[in-house]
Amino acid sequence: MNIKRQKIIRLTLTYLVVLVMFVIILYPLAWIIGSSFNPGQSLSGSSIIPKNATLDHYKELFNMEKSNYVYWYINSLKVSILTMVFTVILVSLTAYSFSRYRFVGRKNGLVTFLILQMIPNFAALIAIYILATLTKLIDSHLGLILVYVGGQIPMNTWLMKGYLDTIPKELDESAKIDGAGHLRIFFQIVMPLATPIIAVVALFAFIAPFADFIIASILLRTEKNYTLAVGLYDLVAKQFGAEFTTFAAGAVLIAVPIAILFLSFQRFFVSGLTAGGTKG
């Protein structure tokens, strides 16, 4: 009887913890979504369930005569997609090299990557700004993409290397016996087996530009070149006439491409993250 009671108590506590976490996560999201449908621009009269719901804020965002939101959205998608593509390519090659080959400086390189991933990009803002100025990449999406890709390499290399270490090297040796070269082994044997971790790296690389504000605000100058984070901040940073509810509507739409990508890759995430953390 005591054992049964203990199980019930544990189960009840588990559900309570899950419920509390669920409320903590969903409450701010509910406020953002509710505010986006509230009339007016002030948050003082907003509510989670608006009495007079309106789509005016969403219409305003896509009115290109009044707002540059469409440009910001396209810019963010361009920067995020290119960052994701270049990150996956470079990280795959780097992680494969560290996982499969033994060369001078290999251990020091891995330690350097480990140290670099502890330092956030914004800690090097002055260096990034000076480098972008010298290379004439200020107010350029190319400069932003290069910074994002460089920042993604250390952490994701360690993550992918841990996964590649779990793929038996006997497969490589068998392919070599059959006459396969290094590139063929990489593309036709290792990479298809590494699909879960590639999906994880791709998602991380896609989300980072969407979430970043600091680096984008330092490098971008023209309003039409802004990414979503910088553009939306501009809506609420005005001294007079801050557009809080329009900001909320823009913030809701940010989640659409991330959610689509997440749902598309979801089946790969558990195996990719767990296997990637088993070996170093």
Protein backbone atom coordinates (compact mmCIF):
# COMPACT_ATOMS: atom_id res chain seq x y z
CA MET A 1 0.00 0.00 0.00
CA ASN A 2 2.88 2.33 0.91
CA ILE A 3 4.63 1.57 -2.39
CA LYS A 4 1.45 2.33 -4.34
CA ARG A 5 0.99 5.58 -2.42
CA GLN A 6 4.61 6.59 -3.11
CA LYS A 7 4.10 5.98 -6.83
CA ILE A 8 0.96 8.14 -6.82
CA ILE A 9 2.79 10.95 -4.99
CA ARG A 10 5.75 10.78 -7.40
CA LEU A 11 3.42 10.81 -10.40
CA THR A 12 1.44 13.75 -8.98
CA LEU A 13 4.62 15.74 -8.30
CA THR A 14 5.89 14.96 -11.82
CA TYR A 15 2.69 16.24 -13.39
CA LEU A 16 2.77 19.36 -11.19
CA VAL A 17 6.34 20.16 -12.27
CA VAL A 18 5.42 19.61 -15.94
CA LEU A 19 2.32 21.79 -15.52
CA VAL A 20 4.29 24.61 -13.87
CA MET A 21 6.94 24.53 -16.62
CA PHE A 22 4.20 24.42 -19.24
CA VAL A 23 2.59 27.57 -17.78
CA ILE A 24 5.95 29.38 -17.49
CA ILE A 25 6.72 28.67 -21.16
CA LEU A 26 3.25 29.33 -22.59
CA TYR A 27 2.26 32.41 -20.55
CA PRO A 28 4.59 34.89 -22.31
CA LEU A 29 3.78 33.33 -25.68
CA ALA A 30 0.07 33.75 -25.00
CA TRP A 31 0.64 37.41 -24.13
CA ILE A 32 2.60 38.06 -27.33
CA ILE A 33 -0.03 36.38 -29.50
CA GLY A 34 -2.89 38.12 -27.66
CA SER A 35 -1.19 41.52 -27.85
CA SER A 36 -0.72 41.16 -31.60
CA PHE A 37 -4.52 41.08 -32.03
CA ASN A 38 -5.23 43.98 -29.65
CA PRO A 39 -6.25 47.31 -31.22
CA GLY A 40 -4.02 50.34 -30.68
CA GLN A 41 -0.25 50.42 -30.08
CA SER A 42 -0.06 50.49 -26.29
CA LEU A 43 0.33 47.41 -24.09
CA SER A 44 -1.46 49.07 -21.17
CA GLY A 45 -4.90 48.11 -22.46
CA SER A 46 -3.86 44.78 -23.96
CA SER A 47 -5.07 41.40 -22.77
CA ILE A 48 -4.31 37.77 -23.52
CA ILE A 49 -7.78 37.35 -24.99
CA PRO A 50 -8.54 40.65 -26.79
CA LYS A 51 -12.14 41.89 -26.70
CA ASN A 52 -11.98 43.58 -30.09
CA ALA A 53 -9.49 41.40 -31.96
CA THR A 54 -8.07 42.88 -35.14
CA LEU A 55 -5.65 41.89 -37.90
CA ASP A 56 -4.64 45.51 -38.54
CA HIS A 57 -1.14 45.04 -37.13
CA TYR A 58 -0.43 42.11 -39.43
CA LYS A 59 -1.77 44.07 -42.41
CA GLU A 60 0.40 47.03 -41.43
CA LEU A 61 3.52 44.87 -41.36
CA PHE A 62 2.97 43.80 -44.95
CA ASN A 63 2.10 47.29 -46.17
CA MET A 64 5.40 48.09 -47.88
CA GLU A 65 4.56 51.80 -48.06
CA LYS A 66 4.47 52.05 -44.24
CA SER A 67 6.76 49.26 -43.09
CA ASN A 68 10.01 47.58 -44.14
CA TYR A 69 8.99 44.35 -42.38
CA VAL A 70 8.90 42.34 -45.63
CA TYR A 71 12.49 43.41 -46.38
CA TRP A 72 13.55 42.45 -42.85
CA TYR A 73 11.89 39.06 -43.18
CA ILE A 74 13.53 38.34 -46.54
CA ASN A 75 16.90 39.51 -45.19
CA SER A 76 16.62 37.24 -42.14
CA LEU A 77 15.64 34.26 -44.28
CA LYS A 78 18.52 34.90 -46.68
CA VAL A 79 21.09 35.30 -43.91
CA SER A 80 19.76 32.30 -41.95
CA ILE A 81 19.54 29.93 -44.93
CA LEU A 82 23.02 30.80 -46.23
CA THR A 83 24.46 30.58 -42.71
CA MET A 84 22.85 27.15 -42.31
CA VAL A 85 24.16 25.87 -45.66
CA PHE A 86 27.74 27.11 -45.18
CA THR A 87 27.82 25.99 -41.55
CA VAL A 88 26.68 22.45 -42.39
CA ILE A 89 29.28 22.15 -45.18
CA LEU A 90 32.22 23.51 -43.16
CA VAL A 91 31.30 21.76 -39.92
CA SER A 92 30.83 18.43 -41.72
CA LEU A 93 34.28 18.65 -43.32
CA THR A 94 35.95 19.85 -40.11
CA ALA A 95 34.28 17.28 -37.84
CA TYR A 96 35.04 14.47 -40.31
CA SER A 97 38.70 15.48 -40.39
CA PHE A 98 38.99 15.53 -36.59
CA SER A 99 37.07 12.27 -36.24
CA ARG A 100 38.75 10.16 -38.92
CA TYR A 101 42.29 11.50 -39.37
CA ARG A 102 45.30 11.82 -37.09
CA PHE A 103 47.51 14.82 -37.85
CA VAL A 104 49.88 17.26 -36.16
CA GLY A 105 47.97 19.79 -34.07
CA ARG A 106 44.78 17.72 -33.92
CA LYS A 107 44.49 17.76 -30.11
CA ASN A 108 45.49 21.42 -29.87
CA GLY A 109 42.92 22.24 -32.55
CA LEU A 110 40.16 20.49 -30.59
CA VAL A 111 41.17 22.27 -27.37
CA THR A 112 41.17 25.60 -29.23
CA PHE A 113 37.65 24.90 -30.53
CA LEU A 114 36.59 24.01 -26.99
CA ILE A 115 37.91 27.33 -25.68
CA LEU A 116 36.42 29.31 -28.57
CA GLN A 117 32.93 27.93 -28.01
CA MET A 118 33.04 29.35 -24.48
CA ILE A 119 33.50 32.87 -25.86
CA PRO A 120 30.32 34.42 -27.33
CA ASN A 121 30.51 36.43 -30.55
CA PHE A 122 29.53 39.68 -28.87
CA ALA A 123 32.68 39.50 -26.71
CA ALA A 124 34.64 40.29 -29.87
CA LEU A 125 32.37 43.09 -31.12
CA ILE A 126 35.19 45.65 -31.46
CA ALA A 127 37.37 43.21 -33.43
CA ILE A 128 34.42 42.21 -35.63
CA TYR A 129 33.55 45.85 -36.32
CA ILE A 130 37.15 46.79 -37.19
CA LEU A 131 37.55 43.73 -39.43
CA ALA A 132 34.26 44.46 -41.20
CA THR A 133 35.34 48.08 -41.71
CA LEU A 134 38.72 47.08 -43.14
CA THR A 135 37.13 44.55 -45.51
CA LYS A 136 34.32 46.97 -46.44
CA LEU A 137 31.65 44.56 -45.20
CA ILE A 138 29.82 47.08 -43.00
CA ASP A 139 26.10 47.15 -43.88
CA SER A 140 26.59 43.93 -45.83
CA HIS A 141 24.76 40.65 -45.38
CA LEU A 142 27.88 38.82 -46.53
CA GLY A 143 29.82 40.18 -43.55
CA LEU A 144 27.02 39.13 -41.21
CA ILE A 145 26.91 35.62 -42.68
CA LEU A 146 30.70 35.19 -42.35
CA VAL A 147 30.58 36.20 -38.68
CA TYR A 148 27.68 33.84 -37.96
CA VAL A 149 29.31 30.91 -39.78
CA GLY A 150 32.61 31.47 -37.97
CA GLY A 151 30.82 31.54 -34.63
CA GLN A 152 28.95 28.31 -35.36
CA ILE A 153 32.00 26.20 -36.27
CA PRO A 154 33.59 25.48 -32.82
CA MET A 155 30.53 24.23 -30.93
CA ASN A 156 28.98 22.34 -33.83
CA THR A 157 32.31 20.72 -34.76
CA TRP A 158 32.50 19.18 -31.29
CA LEU A 159 28.86 18.11 -31.50
CA MET A 160 29.21 16.49 -34.92
CA LYS A 161 32.59 14.93 -34.14
CA GLY A 162 31.03 13.17 -31.15
CA TYR A 163 28.41 11.68 -33.46
CA LEU A 164 30.87 10.69 -36.19
CA ASP A 165 32.99 8.90 -33.58
CA THR A 166 30.04 6.55 -33.03
CA ILE A 167 30.03 5.50 -36.71
CA PRO A 168 32.28 2.39 -37.03
CA LYS A 169 35.54 3.06 -38.84
CA GLU A 170 35.32 -0.46 -40.26
CA LEU A 171 32.87 0.93 -42.80
CA ASP A 172 35.57 3.30 -44.06
CA GLU A 173 38.12 0.51 -44.24
CA SER A 174 35.75 -1.76 -46.16
CA ALA A 175 35.06 1.03 -48.64
CA LYS A 176 38.81 1.62 -49.10
CA ILE A 177 39.31 -2.06 -49.87
CA ASP A 178 36.63 -1.72 -52.56
CA GLY A 179 38.57 1.18 -54.05
CA ALA A 180 36.59 4.14 -52.66
CA GLY A 181 38.48 7.40 -52.17
CA HIS A 182 38.22 9.84 -49.24
CA LEU A 183 35.54 12.02 -50.83
CA ARG A 184 33.41 9.05 -51.84
CA ILE A 185 33.58 7.65 -48.31
CA PHE A 186 32.66 11.06 -46.93
CA PHE A 187 29.69 11.71 -49.22
CA GLN A 188 28.29 8.21 -49.81
CA ILE A 189 28.97 6.41 -46.52
CA VAL A 190 29.57 8.73 -43.57
CA MET A 191 27.27 11.65 -44.37
CA PRO A 192 24.11 9.55 -45.01
CA LEU A 193 24.65 7.91 -41.62
CA ALA A 194 25.19 11.32 -40.01
CA THR A 195 21.82 12.73 -41.13
CA PRO A 196 20.48 13.16 -37.54
CA ILE A 197 23.40 15.32 -36.40
CA ILE A 198 23.37 17.28 -39.67
CA ALA A 199 19.72 18.13 -38.97
CA VAL A 200 20.61 19.32 -35.45
CA VAL A 201 23.49 21.48 -36.71
CA ALA A 202 21.30 22.89 -39.49
CA LEU A 203 18.59 23.92 -37.02
CA PHE A 204 21.07 25.57 -34.63
CA ALA A 205 22.71 27.42 -37.53
CA PHE A 206 19.33 28.61 -38.84
CA ILE A 207 18.00 29.84 -35.50
CA ALA A 208 21.10 31.83 -34.49
CA PRO A 209 20.71 34.66 -37.07
CA PHE A 210 16.99 34.94 -36.27
CA ALA A 211 17.72 35.32 -32.56
CA ASP A 212 20.77 37.58 -32.83
CA PHE A 213 20.43 41.30 -32.31
CA ILE A 214 23.79 42.60 -31.08
CA ILE A 215 26.05 41.68 -34.02
CA ALA A 216 23.43 42.57 -36.63
CA SER A 217 22.85 45.97 -35.02
CA ILE A 218 26.60 46.67 -35.10
CA LEU A 219 27.16 45.70 -38.74
CA LEU A 220 23.93 46.81 -40.43
CA ARG A 221 23.25 50.49 -41.10
CA THR A 222 20.54 50.82 -43.79
CA GLU A 223 16.98 50.20 -42.61
CA LYS A 224 16.11 48.04 -45.60
CA ASN A 225 19.14 45.84 -44.83
CA TYR A 226 18.04 45.18 -41.25
CA THR A 227 17.27 41.67 -40.07
CA LEU A 228 14.09 41.01 -38.11
CA ALA A 229 15.65 41.42 -34.67
CA VAL A 230 17.11 44.85 -35.49
CA GLY A 231 14.03 46.01 -37.38
CA LEU A 232 11.57 44.97 -34.69
CA TYR A 233 13.68 46.59 -31.99
CA ASP A 234 13.44 49.80 -33.98
CA LEU A 235 9.64 49.64 -33.61
CA VAL A 236 9.77 49.77 -29.79
CA ALA A 237 12.92 51.90 -29.38
CA LYS A 238 11.25 55.10 -30.56
CA GLN A 239 11.06 57.84 -27.96
CA PHE A 240 7.55 58.69 -29.09
CA GLY A 241 5.01 56.40 -30.73
CA ALA A 242 6.55 53.03 -29.86
CA GLU A 243 4.58 50.35 -31.71
CA PHE A 244 4.35 47.57 -29.13
CA THR A 245 1.41 45.63 -30.58
CA THR A 246 2.86 45.79 -34.10
CA PHE A 247 6.09 44.50 -32.60
CA ALA A 248 4.12 41.61 -31.06
CA ALA A 249 2.61 40.73 -34.45
CA GLY A 250 6.06 40.76 -36.06
CA ALA A 251 7.45 38.60 -33.26
CA VAL A 252 4.70 36.00 -33.75
CA LEU A 253 5.56 35.63 -37.45
CA ILE A 254 9.24 35.03 -36.64
CA ALA A 255 8.29 31.63 -35.24
CA VAL A 256 6.81 30.38 -38.54
CA PRO A 257 10.00 29.35 -40.45
CA ILE A 258 11.66 28.06 -37.26
CA ALA A 259 8.61 25.94 -36.44
CA ILE A 260 8.47 24.56 -40.00
CA LEU A 261 12.16 23.63 -39.90
CA PHE A 262 11.84 22.12 -36.42
CA LEU A 263 8.86 19.97 -37.38
CA SER A 264 10.63 18.86 -40.57
CA PHE A 265 13.74 17.73 -38.68
CA GLN A 266 12.07 16.61 -35.45
CA ARG A 267 12.52 12.88 -36.04
CA PHE A 268 16.29 13.32 -36.17
CA PHE A 269 16.78 15.39 -33.01
CA VAL A 270 16.75 12.83 -30.21
CA SER A 271 19.24 10.48 -31.84
CA GLY A 272 21.37 13.37 -33.08
CA LEU A 273 21.72 15.13 -29.74
CA THR A 274 22.15 12.03 -27.60
CA ALA A 275 24.69 10.34 -29.83
CA GLY A 276 26.54 13.62 -30.33
CA GLY A 277 27.13 13.85 -26.59
CA THR A 278 28.39 10.29 -26.00
CA LYS A 279 31.96 10.67 -27.25
CA GLY A 280 34.41 13.53 -27.46
